[in-house]
Each structure stands twice: as structure tokens, then as C-alpha cells.
Amino acid sequence: MSTAANVELVSEVETAQSSRPNLRVDKIRIAVLRVLGRPPELIRVSVLPLWGDKFRVNVWATGSNGAGIPNSYFVTAGDDGGILHSEPPIQKQY
């Protein structure tokens, strides 16, 4: 195998590995909004990996006082991005 082919193969593996965490984060984001509902003035949902299967999820929205975080959760997520536990529990609000 040529050096160029080796570099291309390594690049493909790195791309596949680096996209897996993003897919998991996207699935966590979707799962939170599915349960919570969508705030009317939603700006974004940030999912911050902490350690292992633990994540901080902040729901950013615009309110009467400007932008803020009306909902924030510490979640445990499975490898598939499904939420196994949340503190506080996620409840339908919107």
C-alpha cells in the first residue's frame, strides 16, 4: 500500500471516530427537546461532555430579560445518545 493510500485510510478512520461523539451529542440534544418541548424563543441547546457518559445540557432561549438558560440538566446518556437519567428530571414544559 502506498503512503498516500495510508494517509487517506488514516484520515477516513479519524473522521469516522471524531464524528461518533458529535452524533451522540446530536441525539442527546434531540432527546431532551423531545421530552421538554421546544421553547418559543429557542436559541440553542448546548450539550457539553463532562466525563464518561455524563453531560451538561443547557437550553438557551430569549426571554423578557434577554438571552438565558431557562432549563439546565446533568444527564447520563447511553452510547446511542438515549437519556438514562437526568437531574433534575426532564419534564414537558413547552
Protein backbone atom coordinates (compact mmCIF):
# COMPACT_ATOMS: atom_id res chain seq x y z
CA MET A 1 0.00 0.00 0.00
CA SER A 2 1.38 3.41 -0.93
CA THR A 3 2.00 6.19 1.57
CA ALA A 4 -0.78 8.29 0.01
CA ALA A 5 -3.21 5.40 0.46
CA ASN A 6 -2.13 5.00 4.11
CA VAL A 7 -2.71 8.70 4.79
CA GLU A 8 -6.13 8.53 3.15
CA LEU A 9 -7.11 5.46 5.18
CA VAL A 10 -5.94 7.03 8.46
CA SER A 11 -7.85 10.20 7.59
CA GLU A 12 -11.05 8.20 6.99
CA VAL A 13 -10.68 6.39 10.33
CA GLU A 14 -10.04 9.67 12.20
CA THR A 15 -13.07 11.27 10.56
CA ALA A 16 -15.30 8.33 11.47
CA GLN A 17 -14.07 8.31 15.07
CA SER A 18 -14.41 12.07 15.52
CA SER A 19 -17.97 12.10 14.11
CA ARG A 20 -19.23 9.49 16.59
CA PRO A 21 -19.22 11.83 19.62
CA ASN A 22 -20.99 14.51 17.56
CA LEU A 23 -23.69 12.02 16.59
CA ARG A 24 -24.17 11.09 20.25
CA VAL A 25 -24.35 14.77 21.23
CA ASP A 26 -26.93 15.41 18.49
CA LYS A 27 -29.05 12.50 19.71
CA ILE A 28 -28.89 13.79 23.31
CA ARG A 29 -29.97 17.25 22.12
CA ILE A 30 -32.93 15.75 20.22
CA ALA A 31 -33.93 13.53 23.16
CA VAL A 32 -34.00 16.48 25.58
CA LEU A 33 -36.15 18.59 23.25
CA ARG A 34 -38.46 15.64 22.58
CA VAL A 35 -39.32 15.41 26.30
CA LEU A 36 -39.04 19.10 27.27
CA GLY A 37 -40.71 20.55 24.21
CA ARG A 38 -39.39 23.47 22.19
CA PRO A 39 -39.18 26.84 23.98
CA PRO A 40 -40.84 29.53 21.83
CA GLU A 41 -37.69 31.67 21.62
CA LEU A 42 -35.13 28.83 21.47
CA ILE A 43 -31.60 29.95 20.63
CA ARG A 44 -29.70 26.68 21.00
CA VAL A 45 -29.24 23.54 23.09
CA SER A 46 -25.65 23.05 24.19
CA VAL A 47 -24.51 19.56 25.17
CA LEU A 48 -21.20 19.59 26.99
CA PRO A 49 -19.41 16.24 27.51
CA LEU A 50 -18.09 16.02 31.08
CA TRP A 51 -16.69 12.53 31.74
CA GLY A 52 -17.67 9.05 30.70
CA ASP A 53 -21.38 9.04 29.95
CA LYS A 54 -22.13 12.32 31.82
CA PHE A 55 -23.18 15.52 30.03
CA ARG A 56 -24.36 19.03 30.93
CA VAL A 57 -27.27 20.13 28.75
CA ASN A 58 -28.18 23.84 28.68
CA VAL A 59 -31.25 25.07 26.82
CA TRP A 60 -30.69 28.68 25.73
CA ALA A 61 -33.68 30.90 24.95
CA THR A 62 -34.57 34.56 24.69
CA GLY A 63 -36.87 35.84 27.42
CA SER A 64 -38.06 39.19 28.73
CA ASN A 65 -34.62 39.77 30.30
CA GLY A 66 -32.65 38.80 27.19
CA ALA A 67 -30.90 35.52 26.46
CA GLY A 68 -30.57 33.00 29.24
CA ILE A 69 -30.71 29.35 30.25
CA PRO A 70 -34.24 28.56 31.43
CA ASN A 71 -33.51 24.81 31.52
CA SER A 72 -30.30 23.03 32.53
CA TYR A 73 -29.75 19.33 33.12
CA PHE A 74 -27.00 16.97 34.22
CA VAL A 75 -27.65 13.84 32.17
CA THR A 76 -26.33 10.31 31.90
CA ALA A 77 -26.60 9.06 28.33
CA GLY A 78 -26.18 5.67 26.72
CA ASP A 79 -23.84 5.00 23.80
CA ASP A 80 -26.80 5.52 21.46
CA GLY A 81 -27.50 9.01 22.88
CA GLY A 82 -30.58 7.91 24.80
CA ILE A 83 -31.01 9.61 28.17
CA LEU A 84 -30.70 7.11 31.02
CA HIS A 85 -31.00 9.62 33.88
CA SER A 86 -31.39 13.36 34.31
CA GLU A 87 -31.00 15.68 37.28
CA PRO A 88 -33.36 17.43 37.59
CA PRO A 89 -35.77 15.15 35.75
CA ILE A 90 -36.75 16.47 32.32
CA GLN A 91 -40.47 17.26 32.19
CA LYS A 92 -42.70 18.56 29.41
CA GLN A 93 -42.80 22.36 29.70
CA TYR A 94 -43.41 23.66 26.21
